[in-house]
Amino acid sequence: MLTNIIKRSHVAIWKWIQKYSFVFDSFDVDKHDVNFIFIDETEINVREAWLWVAYEPQLKAFLSFHISWHQNSLDAYYFIMKLVKKYGRKTVYTDGALWYVDAGRGRACGI
């Protein structure tokens, strides 16, 4: 979307997202209010980057997001561990993609 306004490389956009992602990770949600976490990912058109999002449906709140260049078990594991660190162990719902299954079993880190 930025290409119509200003020309930037995909690396510049990635660095910008990494620099300012703390804004999106600072959603004001008390970890004790979180009962469930729904996770999904979608491809965004910045050199085939992936946007991973965690959402709590009862609170109608976004909990966190992660941008990656890959859609794999390691990225799923990283994102889930980030959520566990922030909100504790909660029930997580996904679309059942293999990378979530592997990450949940510890296969992403070779366990």
PDB file of N, CA and C in Angstrom:
ATOM      1  N   MET A   1       0.809  -1.198   0.000  1.00  0.00           N
ATOM      2  CA  MET A   1       0.000   0.000   0.000  1.00  0.00           C
ATOM      3  C   MET A   1       0.856   1.267   0.000  1.00  0.00           C
ATOM      4  N   LEU A   2       2.043   1.170   0.577  1.00  0.00           N
ATOM      5  CA  LEU A   2       2.904   2.349   0.654  1.00  0.00           C
ATOM      6  C   LEU A   2       3.522   2.716  -0.692  1.00  0.00           C
ATOM      7  N   THR A   3       3.583   1.763  -1.622  1.00  0.00           N
ATOM      8  CA  THR A   3       4.282   2.033  -2.887  1.00  0.00           C
ATOM      9  C   THR A   3       3.643   3.164  -3.684  1.00  0.00           C
ATOM     10  N   ASN A   4       2.353   3.402  -3.519  1.00  0.00           N
ATOM     11  CA  ASN A   4       1.708   4.516  -4.219  1.00  0.00           C
ATOM     12  C   ASN A   4       2.107   5.870  -3.629  1.00  0.00           C
ATOM     13  N   ILE A   5       2.512   5.867  -2.364  1.00  0.00           N
ATOM     14  CA  ILE A   5       2.856   7.105  -1.668  1.00  0.00           C
ATOM     15  C   ILE A   5       4.355   7.362  -1.690  1.00  0.00           C
ATOM     16  N   ILE A   6       5.116   6.335  -1.341  1.00  0.00           N
ATOM     17  CA  ILE A   6       6.565   6.479  -1.222  1.00  0.00           C
ATOM     18  C   ILE A   6       7.231   5.149  -1.566  1.00  0.00           C
ATOM     19  N   LYS A   7       8.318   5.187  -2.273  1.00  0.00           N
ATOM     20  CA  LYS A   7       9.031   3.970  -2.672  1.00  0.00           C
ATOM     21  C   LYS A   7       9.966   3.539  -1.540  1.00  0.00           C
ATOM     22  N   ARG A   8       9.807   2.303  -1.076  1.00  0.00           N
ATOM     23  CA  ARG A   8      10.658   1.716  -0.052  1.00  0.00           C
ATOM     24  C   ARG A   8      10.882   0.256  -0.388  1.00  0.00           C
ATOM     25  N   SER A   9      12.037  -0.250  -0.037  1.00  0.00           N
ATOM     26  CA  SER A   9      12.319  -1.660  -0.267  1.00  0.00           C
ATOM     27  C   SER A   9      11.573  -2.502   0.763  1.00  0.00           C
ATOM     28  N   HIS A  10      11.441  -3.801   0.471  1.00  0.00           N
ATOM     29  CA  HIS A  10      10.776  -4.687   1.419  1.00  0.00           C
ATOM     30  C   HIS A  10      11.554  -4.765   2.729  1.00  0.00           C
ATOM     31  N   VAL A  11      12.867  -4.641   2.671  1.00  0.00           N
ATOM     32  CA  VAL A  11      13.681  -4.665   3.895  1.00  0.00           C
ATOM     33  C   VAL A  11      13.411  -3.417   4.739  1.00  0.00           C
ATOM     34  N   ALA A  12      13.277  -2.265   4.111  1.00  0.00           N
ATOM     35  CA  ALA A  12      12.968  -1.035   4.847  1.00  0.00           C
ATOM     36  C   ALA A  12      11.618  -1.144   5.545  1.00  0.00           C
ATOM     37  N   ILE A  13      10.645  -1.711   4.854  1.00  0.00           N
ATOM     38  CA  ILE A  13       9.319  -1.892   5.464  1.00  0.00           C
ATOM     39  C   ILE A  13       9.391  -2.890   6.604  1.00  0.00           C
ATOM     40  N   TRP A  14      10.122  -3.994   6.416  1.00  0.00           N
ATOM     41  CA  TRP A  14      10.287  -4.987   7.483  1.00  0.00           C
ATOM     42  C   TRP A  14      10.921  -4.352   8.710  1.00  0.00           C
ATOM     43  N   LYS A  15      11.970  -3.545   8.515  1.00  0.00           N
ATOM     44  CA  LYS A  15      12.624  -2.873   9.645  1.00  0.00           C
ATOM     45  C   LYS A  15      11.666  -1.915  10.343  1.00  0.00           C
ATOM     46  N   TRP A  16      10.842  -1.229   9.581  1.00  0.00           N
ATOM     47  CA  TRP A  16       9.861  -0.308  10.149  1.00  0.00           C
ATOM     48  C   TRP A  16       8.852  -1.070  11.010  1.00  0.00           C
ATOM     49  N   ILE A  17       8.380  -2.211  10.513  1.00  0.00           N
ATOM     50  CA  ILE A  17       7.432  -3.024  11.269  1.00  0.00           C
ATOM     51  C   ILE A  17       8.079  -3.535  12.548  1.00  0.00           C
ATOM     52  N   GLN A  18       9.329  -4.011  12.459  1.00  0.00           N
ATOM     53  CA  GLN A  18      10.009  -4.503  13.645  1.00  0.00           C
ATOM     54  C   GLN A  18      10.223  -3.391  14.670  1.00  0.00           C
ATOM     55  N   LYS A  19      10.553  -2.200  14.195  1.00  0.00           N
ATOM     56  CA  LYS A  19      10.817  -1.072  15.085  1.00  0.00           C
ATOM     57  C   LYS A  19       9.570  -0.628  15.843  1.00  0.00           C
ATOM     58  N   TYR A  20       8.415  -0.634  15.179  1.00  0.00           N
ATOM     59  CA  TYR A  20       7.200  -0.105  15.785  1.00  0.00           C
ATOM     60  C   TYR A  20       6.207  -1.176  16.220  1.00  0.00           C
ATOM     61  N   SER A  21       6.583  -2.447  16.147  1.00  0.00           N
ATOM     62  CA  SER A  21       5.658  -3.510  16.523  1.00  0.00           C
ATOM     63  C   SER A  21       5.310  -3.479  18.008  1.00  0.00           C
ATOM     64  N   PHE A  22       6.161  -2.864  18.834  1.00  0.00           N
ATOM     65  CA  PHE A  22       5.859  -2.788  20.265  1.00  0.00           C
ATOM     66  C   PHE A  22       4.526  -2.095  20.523  1.00  0.00           C
ATOM     67  N   VAL A  23       4.123  -1.209  19.636  1.00  0.00           N
ATOM     68  CA  VAL A  23       2.838  -0.519  19.783  1.00  0.00           C
ATOM     69  C   VAL A  23       1.703  -1.527  19.765  1.00  0.00           C
ATOM     70  N   PHE A  24       1.785  -2.495  18.861  1.00  0.00           N
ATOM     71  CA  PHE A  24       0.741  -3.490  18.744  1.00  0.00           C
ATOM     72  C   PHE A  24       0.834  -4.549  19.829  1.00  0.00           C
ATOM     73  N   ASP A  25       2.019  -4.756  20.386  1.00  0.00           N
ATOM     74  CA  ASP A  25       2.179  -5.733  21.457  1.00  0.00           C
ATOM     75  C   ASP A  25       1.853  -5.151  22.822  1.00  0.00           C
ATOM     76  N   SER A  26       1.504  -3.895  22.881  1.00  0.00           N
ATOM     77  CA  SER A  26       1.215  -3.274  24.178  1.00  0.00           C
ATOM     78  C   SER A  26      -0.280  -3.082  24.378  1.00  0.00           C
ATOM     79  N   PHE A  27      -1.082  -3.974  23.797  1.00  0.00           N
ATOM     80  CA  PHE A  27      -2.520  -3.895  24.002  1.00  0.00           C
ATOM     81  C   PHE A  27      -2.789  -4.030  25.494  1.00  0.00           C
ATOM     82  N   ASP A  28      -3.718  -3.252  25.977  1.00  0.00           N
ATOM     83  CA  ASP A  28      -4.003  -3.209  27.407  1.00  0.00           C
ATOM     84  C   ASP A  28      -4.977  -4.318  27.783  1.00  0.00           C
ATOM     85  N   VAL A  29      -4.471  -5.538  27.903  1.00  0.00           N
ATOM     86  CA  VAL A  29      -5.291  -6.692  28.273  1.00  0.00           C
ATOM     87  C   VAL A  29      -4.633  -7.360  29.472  1.00  0.00           C
ATOM     88  N   ASP A  30      -5.388  -7.518  30.538  1.00  0.00           N
ATOM     89  CA  ASP A  30      -4.880  -8.199  31.730  1.00  0.00           C
ATOM     90  C   ASP A  30      -4.784  -9.692  31.434  1.00  0.00           C
ATOM     91  N   LYS A  31      -3.635 -10.294  31.702  1.00  0.00           N
ATOM     92  CA  LYS A  31      -3.439 -11.701  31.368  1.00  0.00           C
ATOM     93  C   LYS A  31      -4.434 -12.604  32.093  1.00  0.00           C
ATOM     94  N   HIS A  32      -4.965 -12.179  33.215  1.00  0.00           N
ATOM     95  CA  HIS A  32      -5.936 -12.984  33.953  1.00  0.00           C
ATOM     96  C   HIS A  32      -7.316 -12.965  33.286  1.00  0.00           C
ATOM     97  N   ASP A  33      -7.557 -11.996  32.419  1.00  0.00           N
ATOM     98  CA  ASP A  33      -8.821 -11.914  31.690  1.00  0.00           C
ATOM     99  C   ASP A  33      -8.825 -12.784  30.439  1.00  0.00           C
ATOM    100  N   VAL A  34      -7.652 -13.229  30.018  1.00  0.00           N
ATOM    101  CA  VAL A  34      -7.535 -14.017  28.790  1.00  0.00           C
ATOM    102  C   VAL A  34      -7.880 -15.471  29.095  1.00  0.00           C
ATOM    103  N   ASN A  35      -8.919 -15.974  28.425  1.00  0.00           N
ATOM    104  CA  ASN A  35      -9.332 -17.365  28.598  1.00  0.00           C
ATOM    105  C   ASN A  35      -8.913 -18.237  27.433  1.00  0.00           C
ATOM    106  N   PHE A  36      -8.999 -17.708  26.233  1.00  0.00           N
ATOM    107  CA  PHE A  36      -8.674 -18.439  25.018  1.00  0.00           C
ATOM    108  C   PHE A  36      -7.857 -17.534  24.121  1.00  0.00           C
ATOM    109  N   ILE A  37      -7.046 -18.149  23.279  1.00  0.00           N
ATOM    110  CA  ILE A  37      -6.296 -17.395  22.286  1.00  0.00           C
ATOM    111  C   ILE A  37      -6.510 -18.058  20.936  1.00  0.00           C
ATOM    112  N   PHE A  38      -6.973 -17.295  19.981  1.00  0.00           N
ATOM    113  CA  PHE A  38      -7.126 -17.770  18.613  1.00  0.00           C
ATOM    114  C   PHE A  38      -5.970 -17.207  17.797  1.00  0.00           C
ATOM    115  N   ILE A  39      -5.288 -18.071  17.049  1.00  0.00           N
ATOM    116  CA  ILE A  39      -4.136 -17.659  16.254  1.00  0.00           C
ATOM    117  C   ILE A  39      -4.403 -17.988  14.787  1.00  0.00           C
ATOM    118  N   ASP A  40      -4.005 -17.080  13.930  1.00  0.00           N
ATOM    119  CA  ASP A  40      -4.046 -17.345  12.497  1.00  0.00           C
ATOM    120  C   ASP A  40      -2.962 -16.520  11.832  1.00  0.00           C
ATOM    121  N   GLU A  41      -2.646 -16.856  10.596  1.00  0.00           N
ATOM    122  CA  GLU A  41      -1.643 -16.124   9.841  1.00  0.00           C
ATOM    123  C   GLU A  41      -2.171 -15.881   8.449  1.00  0.00           C
ATOM    124  N   THR A  42      -1.681 -14.847   7.826  1.00  0.00           N
ATOM    125  CA  THR A  42      -2.060 -14.556   6.455  1.00  0.00           C
ATOM    126  C   THR A  42      -0.869 -13.947   5.736  1.00  0.00           C
ATOM    127  N   GLU A  43      -0.795 -14.174   4.452  1.00  0.00           N
ATOM    128  CA  GLU A  43       0.297 -13.605   3.667  1.00  0.00           C
ATOM    129  C   GLU A  43      -0.018 -12.144   3.383  1.00  0.00           C
ATOM    130  N   ILE A  44       0.983 -11.305   3.554  1.00  0.00           N
ATOM    131  CA  ILE A  44       0.845  -9.906   3.194  1.00  0.00           C
ATOM    132  C   ILE A  44       1.794  -9.628   2.047  1.00  0.00           C
ATOM    133  N   ASN A  45       1.446  -8.704   1.208  1.00  0.00           N
ATOM    134  CA  ASN A  45       2.203  -8.467  -0.013  1.00  0.00           C
ATOM    135  C   ASN A  45       3.380  -7.523   0.226  1.00  0.00           C
ATOM    136  N   VAL A  46       4.325  -7.983   1.020  1.00  0.00           N
ATOM    137  CA  VAL A  46       5.596  -7.287   1.229  1.00  0.00           C
ATOM    138  C   VAL A  46       6.662  -8.370   1.071  1.00  0.00           C
ATOM    139  N   ARG A  47       6.920  -8.722  -0.146  1.00  0.00           N
ATOM    140  CA  ARG A  47       7.852  -9.821  -0.447  1.00  0.00           C
ATOM    141  C   ARG A  47       7.446 -11.104   0.274  1.00  0.00           C
ATOM    142  N   GLU A  48       6.183 -11.451   0.174  1.00  0.00           N
ATOM    143  CA  GLU A  48       5.663 -12.683   0.747  1.00  0.00           C
ATOM    144  C   GLU A  48       5.965 -12.821   2.230  1.00  0.00           C
ATOM    145  N   ALA A  49       5.686 -11.797   2.986  1.00  0.00           N
ATOM    146  CA  ALA A  49       5.806 -11.857   4.440  1.00  0.00           C
ATOM    147  C   ALA A  49       4.524 -12.443   5.016  1.00  0.00           C
ATOM    148  N   TRP A  50       4.609 -12.928   6.237  1.00  0.00           N
ATOM    149  CA  TRP A  50       3.453 -13.520   6.908  1.00  0.00           C
ATOM    150  C   TRP A  50       3.144 -12.722   8.164  1.00  0.00           C
ATOM    151  N   LEU A  51       1.879 -12.429   8.350  1.00  0.00           N
ATOM    152  CA  LEU A  51       1.400 -11.729   9.531  1.00  0.00           C
ATOM    153  C   LEU A  51       0.668 -12.737  10.403  1.00  0.00           C
ATOM    154  N   TRP A  52       1.163 -12.954  11.623  1.00  0.00           N
ATOM    155  CA  TRP A  52       0.567 -13.875  12.587  1.00  0.00           C
ATOM    156  C   TRP A  52      -0.156 -13.026  13.622  1.00  0.00           C
ATOM    157  N   VAL A  53      -1.379 -13.376  13.948  1.00  0.00           N
ATOM    158  CA  VAL A  53      -2.200 -12.574  14.848  1.00  0.00           C
ATOM    159  C   VAL A  53      -2.812 -13.471  15.920  1.00  0.00           C
ATOM    160  N   ALA A  54      -2.822 -12.972  17.172  1.00  0.00           N
ATOM    161  CA  ALA A  54      -3.494 -13.661  18.278  1.00  0.00           C
ATOM    162  C   ALA A  54      -4.647 -12.784  18.745  1.00  0.00           C
ATOM    163  N   TYR A  55      -5.803 -13.402  18.947  1.00  0.00           N
ATOM    164  CA  TYR A  55      -7.028 -12.676  19.263  1.00  0.00           C
ATOM    165  C   TYR A  55      -7.765 -13.387  20.386  1.00  0.00           C
ATOM    166  N   GLU A  56      -8.335 -12.631  21.327  1.00  0.00           N
ATOM    167  CA  GLU A  56      -9.152 -13.187  22.404  1.00  0.00           C
ATOM    168  C   GLU A  56     -10.606 -12.814  22.112  1.00  0.00           C
ATOM    169  N   PRO A  57     -11.432 -13.792  21.710  1.00  0.00           N
ATOM    170  CA  PRO A  57     -12.774 -13.467  21.220  1.00  0.00           C
ATOM    171  C   PRO A  57     -13.739 -12.932  22.276  1.00  0.00           C
ATOM    172  N   GLN A  58     -13.653 -13.412  23.513  1.00  0.00           N
ATOM    173  CA  GLN A  58     -14.576 -12.923  24.537  1.00  0.00           C
ATOM    174  C   GLN A  58     -14.306 -11.467  24.889  1.00  0.00           C
ATOM    175  N   LEU A  59     -13.042 -11.080  24.888  1.00  0.00           N
ATOM    176  CA  LEU A  59     -12.675  -9.687  25.165  1.00  0.00           C
ATOM    177  C   LEU A  59     -12.725  -8.830  23.910  1.00  0.00           C
ATOM    178  N   LYS A  60     -12.826  -9.499  22.739  1.00  0.00           N
ATOM    179  CA  LYS A  60     -12.762  -8.817  21.445  1.00  0.00           C
ATOM    180  C   LYS A  60     -11.500  -7.964  21.363  1.00  0.00           C
ATOM    181  N   ALA A  61     -10.370  -8.615  21.691  1.00  0.00           N
ATOM    182  CA  ALA A  61      -9.097  -7.897  21.780  1.00  0.00           C
ATOM    183  C   ALA A  61      -8.004  -8.635  21.033  1.00  0.00           C
ATOM    184  N   PHE A  62      -7.195  -7.880  20.307  1.00  0.00           N
ATOM    185  CA  PHE A  62      -5.987  -8.426  19.715  1.00  0.00           C
ATOM    186  C   PHE A  62      -4.924  -8.475  20.797  1.00  0.00           C
ATOM    187  N   LEU A  63      -4.247  -9.609  20.923  1.00  0.00           N
ATOM    188  CA  LEU A  63      -3.259  -9.794  21.979  1.00  0.00           C
ATOM    189  C   LEU A  63      -1.840  -9.540  21.510  1.00  0.00           C
ATOM    190  N   SER A  64      -1.545  -9.931  20.288  1.00  0.00           N
ATOM    191  CA  SER A  64      -0.188  -9.773  19.787  1.00  0.00           C
ATOM    192  C   SER A  64      -0.170 -10.070  18.290  1.00  0.00           C
ATOM    193  N   PHE A  65       0.938  -9.703  17.662  1.00  0.00           N
ATOM    194  CA  PHE A  65       1.143 -10.083  16.275  1.00  0.00           C
ATOM    195  C   PHE A  65       2.626 -10.298  16.041  1.00  0.00           C
ATOM    196  N   HIS A  66       2.931 -10.944  14.946  1.00  0.00           N
ATOM    197  CA  HIS A  66       4.305 -11.277  14.594  1.00  0.00           C
ATOM    198  C   HIS A  66       4.402 -11.251  13.072  1.00  0.00           C
ATOM    199  N   ILE A  67       5.463 -10.689  12.552  1.00  0.00           N
ATOM    200  CA  ILE A  67       5.730 -10.675  11.112  1.00  0.00           C
ATOM    201  C   ILE A  67       6.907 -11.610  10.844  1.00  0.00           C
ATOM    202  N   SER A  68       6.767 -12.472   9.850  1.00  0.00           N
ATOM    203  CA  SER A  68       7.883 -13.366   9.513  1.00  0.00           C
ATOM    204  C   SER A  68       7.968 -13.521   8.000  1.00  0.00           C
ATOM    205  N   TRP A  69       9.118 -14.002   7.542  1.00  0.00           N
ATOM    206  CA  TRP A  69       9.320 -14.265   6.118  1.00  0.00           C
ATOM    207  C   TRP A  69       8.914 -15.688   5.777  1.00  0.00           C
ATOM    208  N   HIS A  70       8.620 -16.506   6.796  1.00  0.00           N
ATOM    209  CA  HIS A  70       8.290 -17.910   6.564  1.00  0.00           C
ATOM    210  C   HIS A  70       6.995 -18.270   7.282  1.00  0.00           C
ATOM    211  N   GLN A  71       6.365 -19.296   6.809  1.00  0.00           N
ATOM    212  CA  GLN A  71       5.175 -19.854   7.431  1.00  0.00           C
ATOM    213  C   GLN A  71       5.559 -21.271   7.826  1.00  0.00           C
ATOM    214  N   ASN A  72       6.175 -21.402   9.023  1.00  0.00           N
ATOM    215  CA  ASN A  72       6.674 -22.710   9.403  1.00  0.00           C
ATOM    216  C   ASN A  72       6.570 -22.927  10.915  1.00  0.00           C
ATOM    217  N   SER A  73       6.999 -24.085  11.366  1.00  0.00           N
ATOM    218  CA  SER A  73       6.889 -24.467  12.774  1.00  0.00           C
ATOM    219  C   SER A  73       7.723 -23.587  13.686  1.00  0.00           C
ATOM    220  N   LEU A  74       8.892 -23.164  13.229  1.00  0.00           N
ATOM    221  CA  LEU A  74       9.741 -22.305  14.070  1.00  0.00           C
ATOM    222  C   LEU A  74       9.084 -20.952  14.334  1.00  0.00           C
ATOM    223  N   ASP A  75       8.488 -20.364  13.320  1.00  0.00           N
ATOM    224  CA  ASP A  75       7.795 -19.090  13.514  1.00  0.00           C
ATOM    225  C   ASP A  75       6.557 -19.270  14.380  1.00  0.00           C
ATOM    226  N   ALA A  76       5.835 -20.356  14.184  1.00  0.00           N
ATOM    227  CA  ALA A  76       4.671 -20.636  15.030  1.00  0.00           C
ATOM    228  C   ALA A  76       5.105 -20.812  16.478  1.00  0.00           C
ATOM    229  N   TYR A  77       6.183 -21.564  16.692  1.00  0.00           N
ATOM    230  CA  TYR A  77       6.706 -21.794  18.041  1.00  0.00           C
ATOM    231  C   TYR A  77       7.129 -20.472  18.690  1.00  0.00           C
ATOM    232  N   TYR A  78       7.855 -19.650  17.964  1.00  0.00           N
ATOM    233  CA  TYR A  78       8.286 -18.346  18.482  1.00  0.00           C
ATOM    234  C   TYR A  78       7.084 -17.506  18.910  1.00  0.00           C
ATOM    235  N   PHE A  79       6.070 -17.465  18.062  1.00  0.00           N
ATOM    236  CA  PHE A  79       4.888 -16.654  18.350  1.00  0.00           C
ATOM    237  C   PHE A  79       4.131 -17.199  19.564  1.00  0.00           C
ATOM    238  N   ILE A  80       3.967 -18.516  19.628  1.00  0.00           N
ATOM    239  CA  ILE A  80       3.266 -19.118  20.770  1.00  0.00           C
ATOM    240  C   ILE A  80       4.045 -18.884  22.062  1.00  0.00           C
ATOM    241  N   MET A  81       5.365 -19.030  22.027  1.00  0.00           N
ATOM    242  CA  MET A  81       6.172 -18.805  23.236  1.00  0.00           C
ATOM    243  C   MET A  81       6.094 -17.341  23.680  1.00  0.00           C
ATOM    244  N   LYS A  82       6.023 -16.434  22.736  1.00  0.00           N
ATOM    245  CA  LYS A  82       5.858 -15.017  23.053  1.00  0.00           C
ATOM    246  C   LYS A  82       4.526 -14.791  23.784  1.00  0.00           C
ATOM    247  N   LEU A  83       3.486 -15.474  23.326  1.00  0.00           N
ATOM    248  CA  LEU A  83       2.179 -15.364  23.972  1.00  0.00           C
ATOM    249  C   LEU A  83       2.176 -15.998  25.363  1.00  0.00           C
ATOM    250  N   VAL A  84       2.831 -17.155  25.504  1.00  0.00           N
ATOM    251  CA  VAL A  84       2.910 -17.828  26.810  1.00  0.00           C
ATOM    252  C   VAL A  84       3.647 -16.951  27.808  1.00  0.00           C
ATOM    253  N   LYS A  85       4.729 -16.330  27.372  1.00  0.00           N
ATOM    254  CA  LYS A  85       5.494 -15.456  28.259  1.00  0.00           C
ATOM    255  C   LYS A  85       4.645 -14.284  28.745  1.00  0.00           C
ATOM    256  N   LYS A  86       3.816 -13.754  27.870  1.00  0.00           N
ATOM    257  CA  LYS A  86       3.025 -12.575  28.209  1.00  0.00           C
ATOM    258  C   LYS A  86       1.733 -12.906  28.950  1.00  0.00           C
ATOM    259  N   TYR A  87       1.048 -14.014  28.563  1.00  0.00           N
ATOM    260  CA  TYR A  87      -0.273 -14.311  29.107  1.00  0.00           C
ATOM    261  C   TYR A  87      -0.353 -15.605  29.905  1.00  0.00           C
ATOM    262  N   GLY A  88       0.741 -16.357  29.973  1.00  0.00           N
ATOM    263  CA  GLY A  88       0.696 -17.647  30.651  1.00  0.00           C
ATOM    264  C   GLY A  88       0.141 -18.709  29.709  1.00  0.00           C
ATOM    265  N   ARG A  89       0.032 -19.927  30.220  1.00  0.00           N
ATOM    266  CA  ARG A  89      -0.474 -21.024  29.389  1.00  0.00           C
ATOM    267  C   ARG A  89      -1.996 -20.947  29.322  1.00  0.00           C
ATOM    268  N   LYS A  90      -2.502 -20.830  28.124  1.00  0.00           N
ATOM    269  CA  LYS A  90      -3.935 -20.730  27.849  1.00  0.00           C
ATOM    270  C   LYS A  90      -4.298 -21.726  26.765  1.00  0.00           C
ATOM    271  N   THR A  91      -5.577 -21.975  26.604  1.00  0.00           N
ATOM    272  CA  THR A  91      -6.047 -22.797  25.502  1.00  0.00           C
ATOM    273  C   THR A  91      -5.885 -22.003  24.215  1.00  0.00           C
ATOM    274  N   VAL A  92      -5.244 -22.619  23.237  1.00  0.00           N
ATOM    275  CA  VAL A  92      -4.993 -21.958  21.958  1.00  0.00           C
ATOM    276  C   VAL A  92      -5.750 -22.693  20.866  1.00  0.00           C
ATOM    277  N   TYR A  93      -6.452 -21.948  20.047  1.00  0.00           N
ATOM    278  CA  TYR A  93      -7.163 -22.504  18.905  1.00  0.00           C
ATOM    279  C   TYR A  93      -6.484 -22.028  17.623  1.00  0.00           C
ATOM    280  N   THR A  94      -6.330 -22.940  16.681  1.00  0.00           N
ATOM    281  CA  THR A  94      -5.731 -22.604  15.384  1.00  0.00           C
ATOM    282  C   THR A  94      -6.582 -23.232  14.287  1.00  0.00           C
ATOM    283  N   ASP A  95      -6.138 -23.050  13.057  1.00  0.00           N
ATOM    284  CA  ASP A  95      -6.831 -23.686  11.941  1.00  0.00           C
ATOM    285  C   ASP A  95      -6.332 -25.114  11.707  1.00  0.00           C
ATOM    286  N   GLY A  96      -5.450 -25.592  12.596  1.00  0.00           N
ATOM    287  CA  GLY A  96      -4.965 -26.958  12.501  1.00  0.00           C
ATOM    288  C   GLY A  96      -3.813 -27.166  11.534  1.00  0.00           C
ATOM    289  N   ALA A  97      -3.239 -26.080  11.045  1.00  0.00           N
ATOM    290  CA  ALA A  97      -2.110 -26.202  10.118  1.00  0.00           C
ATOM    291  C   ALA A  97      -0.955 -26.952  10.788  1.00  0.00           C
ATOM    292  N   LEU A  98      -0.210 -27.680   9.998  1.00  0.00           N
ATOM    293  CA  LEU A  98       0.860 -28.540  10.506  1.00  0.00           C
ATOM    294  C   LEU A  98       1.879 -27.777  11.343  1.00  0.00           C
ATOM    295  N   TRP A  99       2.207 -26.532  10.960  1.00  0.00           N
ATOM    296  CA  TRP A  99       3.215 -25.777  11.704  1.00  0.00           C
ATOM    297  C   TRP A  99       2.770 -25.518  13.140  1.00  0.00           C
ATOM    298  N   TYR A 100       1.470 -25.359  13.393  1.00  0.00           N
ATOM    299  CA  TYR A 100       0.983 -25.179  14.769  1.00  0.00           C
ATOM    300  C   TYR A 100       1.085 -26.486  15.554  1.00  0.00           C
ATOM    301  N   VAL A 101       0.744 -27.588  14.895  1.00  0.00           N
ATOM    302  CA  VAL A 101       0.812 -28.892  15.538  1.00  0.00           C
ATOM    303  C   VAL A 101       2.250 -29.200  15.944  1.00  0.00           C
ATOM    304  N   ASP A 102       3.182 -29.008  15.014  1.00  0.00           N
ATOM    305  CA  ASP A 102       4.596 -29.248  15.306  1.00  0.00           C
ATOM    306  C   ASP A 102       5.105 -28.320  16.413  1.00  0.00           C
ATOM    307  N   ALA A 103       4.714 -27.061  16.364  1.00  0.00           N
ATOM    308  CA  ALA A 103       5.159 -26.111  17.394  1.00  0.00           C
ATOM    309  C   ALA A 103       4.627 -26.505  18.764  1.00  0.00           C
ATOM    310  N   GLY A 104       3.397 -26.963  18.829  1.00  0.00           N
ATOM    311  CA  GLY A 104       2.791 -27.379  20.095  1.00  0.00           C
ATOM    312  C   GLY A 104       3.407 -28.620  20.683  1.00  0.00           C
ATOM    313  N   ARG A 105       3.948 -29.458  19.841  1.00  0.00           N
ATOM    314  CA  ARG A 105       4.599 -30.685  20.300  1.00  0.00           C
ATOM    315  C   ARG A 105       6.081 -30.495  20.576  1.00  0.00           C
ATOM    316  N   GLY A 106       6.594 -29.302  20.328  1.00  0.00           N
ATOM    317  CA  GLY A 106       8.007 -29.042  20.545  1.00  0.00           C
ATOM    318  C   GLY A 106       8.886 -29.431  19.383  1.00  0.00           C
ATOM    319  N   ARG A 107       8.307 -29.903  18.282  1.00  0.00           N
ATOM    320  CA  ARG A 107       9.109 -30.327  17.137  1.00  0.00           C
ATOM    321  C   ARG A 107       9.809 -29.146  16.473  1.00  0.00           C
ATOM    322  N   ALA A 108       9.257 -27.964  16.663  1.00  0.00           N
ATOM    323  CA  ALA A 108       9.843 -26.788  16.014  1.00  0.00           C
ATOM    324  C   ALA A 108      11.263 -26.537  16.502  1.00  0.00           C
ATOM    325  N   CYS A 109      11.516 -26.874  17.755  1.00  0.00           N
ATOM    326  CA  CYS A 109      12.866 -26.630  18.296  1.00  0.00           C
ATOM    327  C   CYS A 109      13.642 -27.925  18.442  1.00  0.00           C
ATOM    328  N   GLY A 110      13.195 -28.985  17.787  1.00  0.00           N
ATOM    329  CA  GLY A 110      13.931 -30.247  17.778  1.00  0.00           C
ATOM    330  C   GLY A 110      13.764 -31.085  19.021  1.00  0.00           C
ATOM    331  N   ILE A 111      12.703 -30.842  19.799  1.00  0.00           N
ATOM    332  CA  ILE A 111      12.479 -31.647  21.027  1.00  0.00           C
ATOM    333  C   ILE A 111      11.782 -32.944  20.671  1.00  0.00           C
TER     334      ILE A 111
END
